[in-house]
Amino acid sequence: MKSRMLSIGLLGCSHIAQASILRPVQELEHMRVAAVAGRDSSRARDYAAEHGIPRAHASYDDLLRDADIDLVYIALANHAHKEWAVRVAQAGKHLLIEKPICLTARELADIQQACRDNGVLCHEAIMVQHHPWQRRAKELIDSGEYGRLIALKTHISHPMRHADNYRFYPELGGGVFRDEGPYWLQFVQAVAGLAPVTYEGRSDFAGPHGSDWRFDASLSLPSGAAASFHASFDEPYQATHWIELEQARIRVKDFFRARLGRFKITLDILGYDDTRIGKIEFEPQNYYENQLTFFADVIAGRRPGVPDAQVQERTRLFEAIYQSAAAKEAL
């Protein structure tokens, strides 16, 4: 049976929507972008004309009143996610919210309650979770084929070349941890579970306007394994996960690659002397196409969504790690 067409409204004229919504939706028969709203009407009109979007709304509220919209994509500055997520839910529309879904556990509770009250669904757009490489990595860990898990290590860095934007301002939810930390926490949760015995965040908050331009974090897990994270807005590009087992290391190199189009993701299995033990290569896929297909299926009732409890677990830890770094810097 053919799926019903799902109409998407873009809340904000964001750069990320070009990769996360506008390009992938062209490959999906059951979804379309119907409207966009910007900070002002001229910006929305220009954005709609550039990207072939049928309607440009003069305000965010106008988009929420658009009866043709089923799903709203929120890619505003991080501090605005909670307010507009609640308002979208109250308008009776489903929500796809760019990571981080919000900044605190209290904000998340308000969003989830608004969704329950209004019978709509919400999904945090951590696109990497919609790919089989994470499931296969967990299977390798759980199998014990290469011994027990010792450590998970993640490095995400890229020079911040964008013009001055919310990432430069802590009060707007900026900084590298809030930008990249959700990927790390979701990865640890997916392959090993998130129930840390201890956690710590560290930053000198030496970026623009006191933002965290470099951030390190660590978790100790009940199994005895450790998880570590390094992120930077002023180091060369890298996006690598390492899974360290007793007898081998699994490397997921350039794991962001599949957000740029349909590209392969590879799990390299290496000895501690760097000899290659094995390689698991996945067919080319696009994270964003997978993410949109997943959420459309959830809305249609064809599969379950990500449990609220998983999002709550990540958000509580996300807030706590950031606050632990901020508290150290304040001393």
C-alpha atoms as a PDB file:
ATOM      1  CA  MET A   1       0.000   0.000   0.000  1.00  0.00           C
ATOM      2  CA  LYS A   2       1.365   3.406  -0.947  1.00  0.00           C
ATOM      3  CA  SER A   3       2.284   5.671   1.968  1.00  0.00           C
ATOM      4  CA  ARG A   4       0.355   8.905   2.477  1.00  0.00           C
ATOM      5  CA  MET A   5       2.326  11.984   1.473  1.00  0.00           C
ATOM      6  CA  LEU A   6       3.792  13.689   4.546  1.00  0.00           C
ATOM      7  CA  SER A   7       4.069  17.485   4.351  1.00  0.00           C
ATOM      8  CA  ILE A   8       7.048  19.109   6.089  1.00  0.00           C
ATOM      9  CA  GLY A   9       7.339  22.690   7.261  1.00  0.00           C
ATOM     10  CA  LEU A  10      10.757  24.195   7.990  1.00  0.00           C
ATOM     11  CA  LEU A  11      10.892  26.374  11.089  1.00  0.00           C
ATOM     12  CA  GLY A  12      13.878  28.546  10.256  1.00  0.00           C
ATOM     13  CA  CYS A  13      15.851  29.151   7.072  1.00  0.00           C
ATOM     14  CA  SER A  14      18.758  27.005   8.225  1.00  0.00           C
ATOM     15  CA  HIS A  15      21.820  25.869   6.320  1.00  0.00           C
ATOM     16  CA  ILE A  16      21.560  22.357   7.793  1.00  0.00           C
ATOM     17  CA  ALA A  17      18.070  21.854   6.326  1.00  0.00           C
ATOM     18  CA  GLN A  18      19.599  21.718   2.866  1.00  0.00           C
ATOM     19  CA  ALA A  19      21.439  18.492   3.737  1.00  0.00           C
ATOM     20  CA  SER A  20      19.048  17.071   6.316  1.00  0.00           C
ATOM     21  CA  ILE A  21      15.701  17.727   4.599  1.00  0.00           C
ATOM     22  CA  LEU A  22      15.733  19.401   1.203  1.00  0.00           C
ATOM     23  CA  ARG A  23      18.143  17.076  -0.644  1.00  0.00           C
ATOM     24  CA  PRO A  24      17.103  13.727   0.882  1.00  0.00           C
ATOM     25  CA  VAL A  25      13.383  14.405   0.512  1.00  0.00           C
ATOM     26  CA  GLN A  26      13.923  14.501  -3.252  1.00  0.00           C
ATOM     27  CA  GLU A  27      14.740  10.784  -3.066  1.00  0.00           C
ATOM     28  CA  LEU A  28      11.647   9.894  -1.020  1.00  0.00           C
ATOM     29  CA  GLU A  29       8.277   9.548  -2.727  1.00  0.00           C
ATOM     30  CA  HIS A  30       6.187   9.809   0.445  1.00  0.00           C
ATOM     31  CA  MET A  31       7.448  13.186   1.747  1.00  0.00           C
ATOM     32  CA  ARG A  32       7.594  16.774   0.516  1.00  0.00           C
ATOM     33  CA  VAL A  33       8.642  20.163   1.859  1.00  0.00           C
ATOM     34  CA  ALA A  34       5.557  22.361   1.665  1.00  0.00           C
ATOM     35  CA  ALA A  35       6.516  25.558   3.484  1.00  0.00           C
ATOM     36  CA  VAL A  36       9.221  27.513   5.292  1.00  0.00           C
ATOM     37  CA  ALA A  37       9.138  30.319   7.849  1.00  0.00           C
ATOM     38  CA  GLY A  38      12.044  32.637   8.648  1.00  0.00           C
ATOM     39  CA  ARG A  39      12.815  35.405  11.100  1.00  0.00           C
ATOM     40  CA  ASP A  40      11.268  37.806   8.601  1.00  0.00           C
ATOM     41  CA  SER A  41       9.135  37.465   5.496  1.00  0.00           C
ATOM     42  CA  SER A  42      11.823  38.540   3.007  1.00  0.00           C
ATOM     43  CA  ARG A  43      14.276  35.940   4.305  1.00  0.00           C
ATOM     44  CA  ALA A  44      11.615  33.233   4.040  1.00  0.00           C
ATOM     45  CA  ARG A  45      10.679  34.306   0.488  1.00  0.00           C
ATOM     46  CA  ASP A  46      14.303  34.253  -0.637  1.00  0.00           C
ATOM     47  CA  TYR A  47      14.912  30.840   0.925  1.00  0.00           C
ATOM     48  CA  ALA A  48      11.733  29.399  -0.611  1.00  0.00           C
ATOM     49  CA  ALA A  49      12.649  30.742  -4.051  1.00  0.00           C
ATOM     50  CA  GLU A  50      16.178  29.362  -3.817  1.00  0.00           C
ATOM     51  CA  HIS A  51      15.038  25.867  -2.843  1.00  0.00           C
ATOM     52  CA  GLY A  52      11.752  25.541  -4.714  1.00  0.00           C
ATOM     53  CA  ILE A  53       9.552  25.492  -1.606  1.00  0.00           C
ATOM     54  CA  PRO A  54       5.894  26.254  -2.461  1.00  0.00           C
ATOM     55  CA  ARG A  55       5.031  28.562   0.453  1.00  0.00           C
ATOM     56  CA  ALA A  56       6.982  31.113   2.507  1.00  0.00           C
ATOM     57  CA  HIS A  57       5.406  32.247   5.760  1.00  0.00           C
ATOM     58  CA  ALA A  58       6.027  35.667   7.257  1.00  0.00           C
ATOM     59  CA  SER A  59       6.389  34.284  10.798  1.00  0.00           C
ATOM     60  CA  TYR A  60       6.894  31.039  12.698  1.00  0.00           C
ATOM     61  CA  ASP A  61       3.341  31.324  14.045  1.00  0.00           C
ATOM     62  CA  ASP A  62       1.977  31.522  10.502  1.00  0.00           C
ATOM     63  CA  LEU A  63       3.670  28.235   9.671  1.00  0.00           C
ATOM     64  CA  LEU A  64       2.116  26.605  12.746  1.00  0.00           C
ATOM     65  CA  ARG A  65      -1.316  27.724  11.500  1.00  0.00           C
ATOM     66  CA  ASP A  66      -0.717  26.111   8.088  1.00  0.00           C
ATOM     67  CA  ALA A  67      -3.246  23.266   7.989  1.00  0.00           C
ATOM     68  CA  ASP A  68      -1.305  21.478   5.237  1.00  0.00           C
ATOM     69  CA  ILE A  69       1.741  20.840   7.460  1.00  0.00           C
ATOM     70  CA  ASP A  70       2.018  17.437   9.194  1.00  0.00           C
ATOM     71  CA  LEU A  71       5.588  17.634  10.476  1.00  0.00           C
ATOM     72  CA  VAL A  72       7.717  20.596  11.530  1.00  0.00           C
ATOM     73  CA  TYR A  73      11.507  20.501  11.373  1.00  0.00           C
ATOM     74  CA  ILE A  74      13.098  22.717  14.038  1.00  0.00           C
ATOM     75  CA  ALA A  75      16.666  23.838  13.364  1.00  0.00           C
ATOM     76  CA  LEU A  76      16.757  27.040  15.394  1.00  0.00           C
ATOM     77  CA  ALA A  77      19.441  28.098  17.866  1.00  0.00           C
ATOM     78  CA  ASN A  78      19.628  25.531  20.657  1.00  0.00           C
ATOM     79  CA  HIS A  79      18.187  27.770  23.352  1.00  0.00           C
ATOM     80  CA  ALA A  80      14.986  28.174  21.290  1.00  0.00           C
ATOM     81  CA  HIS A  81      14.268  24.473  20.779  1.00  0.00           C
ATOM     82  CA  LYS A  82      12.119  24.013  23.878  1.00  0.00           C
ATOM     83  CA  GLU A  83       9.859  27.031  23.353  1.00  0.00           C
ATOM     84  CA  TRP A  84       9.100  26.238  19.730  1.00  0.00           C
ATOM     85  CA  ALA A  85       8.863  22.485  20.247  1.00  0.00           C
ATOM     86  CA  VAL A  86       6.108  23.056  22.794  1.00  0.00           C
ATOM     87  CA  ARG A  87       4.331  25.494  20.478  1.00  0.00           C
ATOM     88  CA  VAL A  88       4.572  23.107  17.518  1.00  0.00           C
ATOM     89  CA  ALA A  89       3.153  20.286  19.650  1.00  0.00           C
ATOM     90  CA  GLN A  90       0.315  22.537  20.805  1.00  0.00           C
ATOM     91  CA  ALA A  91      -0.433  23.226  17.131  1.00  0.00           C
ATOM     92  CA  GLY A  92      -0.965  19.485  16.663  1.00  0.00           C
ATOM     93  CA  LYS A  93       2.040  18.830  14.441  1.00  0.00           C
ATOM     94  CA  HIS A  94       4.761  16.203  14.733  1.00  0.00           C
ATOM     95  CA  LEU A  95       8.292  17.413  15.495  1.00  0.00           C
ATOM     96  CA  LEU A  96      11.730  16.609  14.126  1.00  0.00           C
ATOM     97  CA  ILE A  97      14.181  18.613  16.254  1.00  0.00           C
ATOM     98  CA  GLU A  98      17.849  19.075  15.440  1.00  0.00           C
ATOM     99  CA  LYS A  99      20.239  17.806  18.080  1.00  0.00           C
ATOM    100  CA  PRO A 100      20.456  18.617  20.871  1.00  0.00           C
ATOM    101  CA  ILE A 101      16.720  18.262  21.339  1.00  0.00           C
ATOM    102  CA  CYS A 102      17.032  20.829  24.144  1.00  0.00           C
ATOM    103  CA  LEU A 103      19.505  21.918  26.827  1.00  0.00           C
ATOM    104  CA  THR A 104      18.143  20.539  30.096  1.00  0.00           C
ATOM    105  CA  ALA A 105      16.126  17.655  31.507  1.00  0.00           C
ATOM    106  CA  ARG A 106      13.430  20.125  32.604  1.00  0.00           C
ATOM    107  CA  GLU A 107      13.061  21.434  29.059  1.00  0.00           C
ATOM    108  CA  LEU A 108      12.782  17.871  27.752  1.00  0.00           C
ATOM    109  CA  ALA A 109      10.062  17.048  30.274  1.00  0.00           C
ATOM    110  CA  ASP A 110       8.055  20.034  29.021  1.00  0.00           C
ATOM    111  CA  ILE A 111       8.489  18.986  25.379  1.00  0.00           C
ATOM    112  CA  GLN A 112       7.502  15.382  26.013  1.00  0.00           C
ATOM    113  CA  GLN A 113       4.486  16.408  28.079  1.00  0.00           C
ATOM    114  CA  ALA A 114       3.303  18.776  25.342  1.00  0.00           C
ATOM    115  CA  CYS A 115       3.603  15.952  22.800  1.00  0.00           C
ATOM    116  CA  ARG A 116       1.606  13.570  24.989  1.00  0.00           C
ATOM    117  CA  ASP A 117      -1.061  16.187  25.674  1.00  0.00           C
ATOM    118  CA  ASN A 118      -1.519  16.896  21.975  1.00  0.00           C
ATOM    119  CA  GLY A 119      -1.110  13.410  20.548  1.00  0.00           C
ATOM    120  CA  VAL A 120       1.951  14.152  18.414  1.00  0.00           C
ATOM    121  CA  LEU A 121       5.331  12.471  18.018  1.00  0.00           C
ATOM    122  CA  CYS A 122       8.782  13.951  18.503  1.00  0.00           C
ATOM    123  CA  HIS A 123      12.158  12.755  17.270  1.00  0.00           C
ATOM    124  CA  GLU A 124      15.641  14.094  18.005  1.00  0.00           C
ATOM    125  CA  ALA A 125      17.583  14.369  14.749  1.00  0.00           C
ATOM    126  CA  ILE A 126      20.741  12.426  15.594  1.00  0.00           C
ATOM    127  CA  MET A 127      20.963  11.043  12.097  1.00  0.00           C
ATOM    128  CA  VAL A 128      23.832   8.572  12.692  1.00  0.00           C
ATOM    129  CA  GLN A 129      21.556   6.285  14.711  1.00  0.00           C
ATOM    130  CA  HIS A 130      19.672   5.351  11.552  1.00  0.00           C
ATOM    131  CA  HIS A 131      22.320   3.105  10.064  1.00  0.00           C
ATOM    132  CA  PRO A 132      23.098  -0.598  10.650  1.00  0.00           C
ATOM    133  CA  TRP A 133      26.761   0.031  11.571  1.00  0.00           C
ATOM    134  CA  GLN A 134      25.820   0.824  15.181  1.00  0.00           C
ATOM    135  CA  ARG A 135      23.805  -2.376  15.555  1.00  0.00           C
ATOM    136  CA  ARG A 136      26.655  -4.416  14.054  1.00  0.00           C
ATOM    137  CA  ALA A 137      29.191  -2.786  16.375  1.00  0.00           C
ATOM    138  CA  LYS A 138      27.057  -3.698  19.379  1.00  0.00           C
ATOM    139  CA  GLU A 139      26.780  -7.290  18.126  1.00  0.00           C
ATOM    140  CA  LEU A 140      30.570  -7.534  17.931  1.00  0.00           C
ATOM    141  CA  ILE A 141      30.904  -6.225  21.488  1.00  0.00           C
ATOM    142  CA  ASP A 142      28.185  -8.478  22.883  1.00  0.00           C
ATOM    143  CA  SER A 143      29.495 -11.582  21.114  1.00  0.00           C
ATOM    144  CA  GLY A 144      32.769 -11.515  23.019  1.00  0.00           C
ATOM    145  CA  GLU A 145      34.544 -12.598  19.826  1.00  0.00           C
ATOM    146  CA  TYR A 146      37.419 -10.219  20.567  1.00  0.00           C
ATOM    147  CA  GLY A 147      37.133 -10.252  24.347  1.00  0.00           C
ATOM    148  CA  ARG A 148      35.431  -7.867  26.714  1.00  0.00           C
ATOM    149  CA  LEU A 149      34.964  -4.154  26.104  1.00  0.00           C
ATOM    150  CA  ILE A 150      37.731  -2.003  27.571  1.00  0.00           C
ATOM    151  CA  ALA A 151      37.088   1.479  26.201  1.00  0.00           C
ATOM    152  CA  LEU A 152      35.113   3.615  23.778  1.00  0.00           C
ATOM    153  CA  LYS A 153      36.904   6.659  22.383  1.00  0.00           C
ATOM    154  CA  THR A 154      35.420   9.388  20.195  1.00  0.00           C
ATOM    155  CA  HIS A 155      37.140  12.328  18.505  1.00  0.00           C
ATOM    156  CA  ILE A 156      35.104  14.945  16.645  1.00  0.00           C
ATOM    157  CA  SER A 157      36.787  18.103  15.425  1.00  0.00           C
ATOM    158  CA  HIS A 158      36.414  20.598  12.618  1.00  0.00           C
ATOM    159  CA  PRO A 159      37.362  24.255  12.198  1.00  0.00           C
ATOM    160  CA  MET A 160      34.372  26.533  12.763  1.00  0.00           C
ATOM    161  CA  ARG A 161      34.299  28.478   9.501  1.00  0.00           C
ATOM    162  CA  HIS A 162      30.710  29.709   9.701  1.00  0.00           C
ATOM    163  CA  ALA A 163      30.042  33.370  10.231  1.00  0.00           C
ATOM    164  CA  ASP A 164      29.213  34.495  13.755  1.00  0.00           C
ATOM    165  CA  ASN A 165      26.173  32.460  14.861  1.00  0.00           C
ATOM    166  CA  TYR A 166      24.599  30.941  17.961  1.00  0.00           C
ATOM    167  CA  ARG A 167      27.498  28.477  18.358  1.00  0.00           C
ATOM    168  CA  PHE A 168      29.647  31.418  19.486  1.00  0.00           C
ATOM    169  CA  TYR A 169      27.369  32.256  22.434  1.00  0.00           C
ATOM    170  CA  PRO A 170      26.934  30.031  25.528  1.00  0.00           C
ATOM    171  CA  GLU A 171      23.663  31.734  26.443  1.00  0.00           C
ATOM    172  CA  LEU A 172      22.209  30.618  23.085  1.00  0.00           C
ATOM    173  CA  GLY A 173      23.244  27.016  23.667  1.00  0.00           C
ATOM    174  CA  GLY A 174      26.479  27.359  21.722  1.00  0.00           C
ATOM    175  CA  GLY A 175      29.853  25.676  22.068  1.00  0.00           C
ATOM    176  CA  VAL A 176      31.328  22.465  20.753  1.00  0.00           C
ATOM    177  CA  PHE A 177      29.963  20.089  23.404  1.00  0.00           C
ATOM    178  CA  ARG A 178      26.377  21.066  22.778  1.00  0.00           C
ATOM    179  CA  ASP A 179      26.999  20.771  19.044  1.00  0.00           C
ATOM    180  CA  GLU A 180      28.858  17.437  18.957  1.00  0.00           C
ATOM    181  CA  GLY A 181      28.270  15.833  22.362  1.00  0.00           C
ATOM    182  CA  PRO A 182      24.895  14.321  21.376  1.00  0.00           C
ATOM    183  CA  TYR A 183      26.635  12.144  18.781  1.00  0.00           C
ATOM    184  CA  TRP A 184      29.009  10.744  21.397  1.00  0.00           C
ATOM    185  CA  LEU A 185      26.333  10.038  24.006  1.00  0.00           C
ATOM    186  CA  GLN A 186      24.037   8.375  21.475  1.00  0.00           C
ATOM    187  CA  PHE A 187      26.927   6.182  20.270  1.00  0.00           C
ATOM    188  CA  VAL A 188      27.825   5.051  23.796  1.00  0.00           C
ATOM    189  CA  GLN A 189      24.162   4.431  24.576  1.00  0.00           C
ATOM    190  CA  ALA A 190      23.684   2.388  21.396  1.00  0.00           C
ATOM    191  CA  VAL A 191      26.696   0.088  21.719  1.00  0.00           C
ATOM    192  CA  ALA A 192      27.274  -0.185  25.491  1.00  0.00           C
ATOM    193  CA  GLY A 193      24.423   1.495  27.369  1.00  0.00           C
ATOM    194  CA  LEU A 194      24.437   4.744  29.334  1.00  0.00           C
ATOM    195  CA  ALA A 195      24.536   4.118  33.072  1.00  0.00           C
ATOM    196  CA  PRO A 196      27.763   5.783  34.156  1.00  0.00           C
ATOM    197  CA  VAL A 197      29.285   5.203  37.559  1.00  0.00           C
ATOM    198  CA  THR A 198      31.114   8.513  37.195  1.00  0.00           C
ATOM    199  CA  TYR A 199      31.221  11.300  34.620  1.00  0.00           C
ATOM    200  CA  GLU A 200      33.279  14.414  34.033  1.00  0.00           C
ATOM    201  CA  GLY A 201      33.397  17.321  31.582  1.00  0.00           C
ATOM    202  CA  ARG A 202      36.390  19.609  31.053  1.00  0.00           C
ATOM    203  CA  SER A 203      36.822  22.831  29.075  1.00  0.00           C
ATOM    204  CA  ASP A 204      38.663  26.116  29.509  1.00  0.00           C
ATOM    205  CA  PHE A 205      35.736  27.928  27.824  1.00  0.00           C
ATOM    206  CA  ALA A 206      38.285  29.950  25.884  1.00  0.00           C
ATOM    207  CA  GLY A 207      36.229  30.254  22.703  1.00  0.00           C
ATOM    208  CA  PRO A 208      34.406  33.370  21.519  1.00  0.00           C
ATOM    209  CA  HIS A 209      32.289  35.021  24.217  1.00  0.00           C
ATOM    210  CA  GLY A 210      33.325  32.379  26.749  1.00  0.00           C
ATOM    211  CA  SER A 211      32.072  29.417  24.739  1.00  0.00           C
ATOM    212  CA  ASP A 212      33.684  25.977  24.864  1.00  0.00           C
ATOM    213  CA  TRP A 213      35.726  25.719  21.672  1.00  0.00           C
ATOM    214  CA  ARG A 214      37.414  22.554  23.004  1.00  0.00           C
ATOM    215  CA  PHE A 215      35.770  20.016  25.291  1.00  0.00           C
ATOM    216  CA  ASP A 216      36.814  16.705  26.853  1.00  0.00           C
ATOM    217  CA  ALA A 217      34.534  14.328  28.689  1.00  0.00           C
ATOM    218  CA  SER A 218      34.744  10.892  30.250  1.00  0.00           C
ATOM    219  CA  LEU A 219      32.428   8.229  31.647  1.00  0.00           C
ATOM    220  CA  SER A 220      33.119   5.091  33.648  1.00  0.00           C
ATOM    221  CA  LEU A 221      30.562   2.381  32.930  1.00  0.00           C
ATOM    222  CA  PRO A 222      29.344  -0.354  35.327  1.00  0.00           C
ATOM    223  CA  SER A 223      31.140  -3.019  33.270  1.00  0.00           C
ATOM    224  CA  GLY A 224      34.473  -1.354  34.060  1.00  0.00           C
ATOM    225  CA  ALA A 225      34.805   0.045  30.537  1.00  0.00           C
ATOM    226  CA  ALA A 226      35.575   3.718  30.045  1.00  0.00           C
ATOM    227  CA  ALA A 227      34.190   6.119  27.463  1.00  0.00           C
ATOM    228  CA  SER A 228      36.054   9.272  26.464  1.00  0.00           C
ATOM    229  CA  PHE A 229      35.285  12.172  24.157  1.00  0.00           C
ATOM    230  CA  HIS A 230      37.306  14.986  22.619  1.00  0.00           C
ATOM    231  CA  ALA A 231      35.684  17.702  20.532  1.00  0.00           C
ATOM    232  CA  SER A 232      37.063  20.871  19.013  1.00  0.00           C
ATOM    233  CA  PHE A 233      36.051  23.746  16.781  1.00  0.00           C
ATOM    234  CA  ASP A 234      39.657  24.728  16.028  1.00  0.00           C
ATOM    235  CA  GLU A 235      41.400  21.475  15.052  1.00  0.00           C
ATOM    236  CA  PRO A 236      41.519  19.723  11.645  1.00  0.00           C
ATOM    237  CA  TYR A 237      38.530  17.632  10.634  1.00  0.00           C
ATOM    238  CA  GLN A 238      38.180  14.251  12.273  1.00  0.00           C
ATOM    239  CA  ALA A 239      35.179  12.093  13.137  1.00  0.00           C
ATOM    240  CA  THR A 240      36.336   8.758  14.505  1.00  0.00           C
ATOM    241  CA  HIS A 241      35.021   6.214  17.006  1.00  0.00           C
ATOM    242  CA  TRP A 242      37.313   3.579  18.506  1.00  0.00           C
ATOM    243  CA  ILE A 243      35.939   0.489  20.241  1.00  0.00           C
ATOM    244  CA  GLU A 244      38.754  -1.115  22.238  1.00  0.00           C
ATOM    245  CA  LEU A 245      38.296  -4.797  23.099  1.00  0.00           C
ATOM    246  CA  GLU A 246      40.767  -7.119  24.788  1.00  0.00           C
ATOM    247  CA  GLN A 247      42.012  -8.642  21.531  1.00  0.00           C
ATOM    248  CA  ALA A 248      41.202  -6.050  18.864  1.00  0.00           C
ATOM    249  CA  ARG A 249      40.175  -2.476  18.153  1.00  0.00           C
ATOM    250  CA  ILE A 250      37.267  -1.502  15.934  1.00  0.00           C
ATOM    251  CA  ARG A 251      37.645   1.811  14.141  1.00  0.00           C
ATOM    252  CA  VAL A 252      34.749   3.729  12.593  1.00  0.00           C
ATOM    253  CA  LYS A 253      36.581   6.360  10.570  1.00  0.00           C
ATOM    254  CA  ASP A 254      34.873   9.440   9.118  1.00  0.00           C
ATOM    255  CA  PHE A 255      31.529   8.273  10.467  1.00  0.00           C
ATOM    256  CA  PHE A 256      29.904  11.560   9.368  1.00  0.00           C
ATOM    257  CA  ARG A 257      30.569  10.777   5.706  1.00  0.00           C
ATOM    258  CA  ALA A 258      27.131   9.297   5.045  1.00  0.00           C
ATOM    259  CA  ARG A 259      25.459  12.617   5.857  1.00  0.00           C
ATOM    260  CA  LEU A 260      26.851  14.075   2.623  1.00  0.00           C
ATOM    261  CA  GLY A 261      25.142  11.570   0.355  1.00  0.00           C
ATOM    262  CA  ARG A 262      24.989   7.829  -0.189  1.00  0.00           C
ATOM    263  CA  PHE A 263      28.398   6.715   1.036  1.00  0.00           C
ATOM    264  CA  LYS A 264      29.866   3.582   2.569  1.00  0.00           C
ATOM    265  CA  ILE A 265      30.600   3.247   6.274  1.00  0.00           C
ATOM    266  CA  THR A 266      33.268   0.717   7.265  1.00  0.00           C
ATOM    267  CA  LEU A 267      34.119  -0.996  10.535  1.00  0.00           C
ATOM    268  CA  ASP A 268      37.873  -1.685  10.476  1.00  0.00           C
ATOM    269  CA  ILE A 269      38.933  -4.426  12.887  1.00  0.00           C
ATOM    270  CA  LEU A 270      42.573  -3.971  13.843  1.00  0.00           C
ATOM    271  CA  GLY A 271      45.053  -5.686  16.110  1.00  0.00           C
ATOM    272  CA  TYR A 272      46.946  -3.653  18.660  1.00  0.00           C
ATOM    273  CA  ASP A 273      49.942  -3.832  16.320  1.00  0.00           C
ATOM    274  CA  ASP A 274      47.718  -2.163  13.650  1.00  0.00           C
ATOM    275  CA  THR A 275      47.447  -5.307  11.536  1.00  0.00           C
ATOM    276  CA  ARG A 276      44.052  -5.652   9.871  1.00  0.00           C
ATOM    277  CA  ILE A 277      42.024  -8.539  11.275  1.00  0.00           C
ATOM    278  CA  GLY A 278      38.826  -7.859   9.385  1.00  0.00           C
ATOM    279  CA  LYS A 279      36.600  -5.307   7.726  1.00  0.00           C
ATOM    280  CA  ILE A 280      32.836  -4.906   7.679  1.00  0.00           C
ATOM    281  CA  GLU A 281      31.636  -2.660   4.878  1.00  0.00           C
ATOM    282  CA  PHE A 282      28.059  -1.448   4.469  1.00  0.00           C
ATOM    283  CA  GLU A 283      26.294  -0.595   1.245  1.00  0.00           C
ATOM    284  CA  PRO A 284      26.180   3.140   0.472  1.00  0.00           C
ATOM    285  CA  GLN A 285      23.435   4.849   2.457  1.00  0.00           C
ATOM    286  CA  ASN A 286      22.473   8.381   3.396  1.00  0.00           C
ATOM    287  CA  TYR A 287      21.857   9.071   7.088  1.00  0.00           C
ATOM    288  CA  TYR A 288      19.267  11.738   6.412  1.00  0.00           C
ATOM    289  CA  GLU A 289      17.250   9.631   3.991  1.00  0.00           C
ATOM    290  CA  ASN A 290      17.242   6.864   6.600  1.00  0.00           C
ATOM    291  CA  GLN A 291      16.199   9.302   9.332  1.00  0.00           C
ATOM    292  CA  LEU A 292      13.258  10.700   7.369  1.00  0.00           C
ATOM    293  CA  THR A 293      12.110   7.222   6.374  1.00  0.00           C
ATOM    294  CA  PHE A 294      12.343   6.067   9.993  1.00  0.00           C
ATOM    295  CA  PHE A 295      10.280   8.940  11.376  1.00  0.00           C
ATOM    296  CA  ALA A 296       7.689   8.656   8.606  1.00  0.00           C
ATOM    297  CA  ASP A 297       7.284   4.985   9.529  1.00  0.00           C
ATOM    298  CA  VAL A 298       6.906   5.882  13.207  1.00  0.00           C
ATOM    299  CA  ILE A 299       4.227   8.464  12.392  1.00  0.00           C
ATOM    300  CA  ALA A 300       2.421   5.911  10.224  1.00  0.00           C
ATOM    301  CA  GLY A 301       2.561   3.294  13.002  1.00  0.00           C
ATOM    302  CA  ARG A 302       4.755   0.917  11.038  1.00  0.00           C
ATOM    303  CA  ARG A 303       7.495   0.789  13.672  1.00  0.00           C
ATOM    304  CA  PRO A 304       8.127   2.055  17.201  1.00  0.00           C
ATOM    305  CA  GLY A 305       9.935   5.313  17.823  1.00  0.00           C
ATOM    306  CA  VAL A 306      12.949   5.892  20.044  1.00  0.00           C
ATOM    307  CA  PRO A 307      11.669   5.390  23.622  1.00  0.00           C
ATOM    308  CA  ASP A 308      11.243   8.587  25.644  1.00  0.00           C
ATOM    309  CA  ALA A 309      13.350   7.045  28.405  1.00  0.00           C
ATOM    310  CA  GLN A 310      16.373   6.795  26.098  1.00  0.00           C
ATOM    311  CA  VAL A 311      16.139  10.479  25.198  1.00  0.00           C
ATOM    312  CA  GLN A 312      15.684  11.368  28.879  1.00  0.00           C
ATOM    313  CA  GLU A 313      18.771   9.362  29.832  1.00  0.00           C
ATOM    314  CA  ARG A 314      20.919  11.111  27.230  1.00  0.00           C
ATOM    315  CA  THR A 315      19.594  14.577  28.049  1.00  0.00           C
ATOM    316  CA  ARG A 316      20.149  14.246  31.805  1.00  0.00           C
ATOM    317  CA  LEU A 317      23.747  13.174  31.241  1.00  0.00           C
ATOM    318  CA  PHE A 318      24.284  15.792  28.533  1.00  0.00           C
ATOM    319  CA  GLU A 319      23.237  18.526  30.952  1.00  0.00           C
ATOM    320  CA  ALA A 320      25.240  17.097  33.862  1.00  0.00           C
ATOM    321  CA  ILE A 321      28.497  16.772  31.907  1.00  0.00           C
ATOM    322  CA  TYR A 322      28.267  20.327  30.588  1.00  0.00           C
ATOM    323  CA  GLN A 323      27.506  21.661  34.065  1.00  0.00           C
ATOM    324  CA  SER A 324      30.418  19.736  35.570  1.00  0.00           C
ATOM    325  CA  ALA A 325      32.803  21.496  33.180  1.00  0.00           C
ATOM    326  CA  ALA A 326      31.197  24.884  33.785  1.00  0.00           C
ATOM    327  CA  ALA A 327      31.431  24.432  37.569  1.00  0.00           C
ATOM    328  CA  LYS A 328      35.156  23.673  37.391  1.00  0.00           C
ATOM    329  CA  GLU A 329      35.797  26.748  35.251  1.00  0.00           C
ATOM    330  CA  ALA A 330      33.839  28.928  37.688  1.00  0.00           C
ATOM    331  CA  LEU A 331      36.090  27.963  40.636  1.00  0.00           C
END
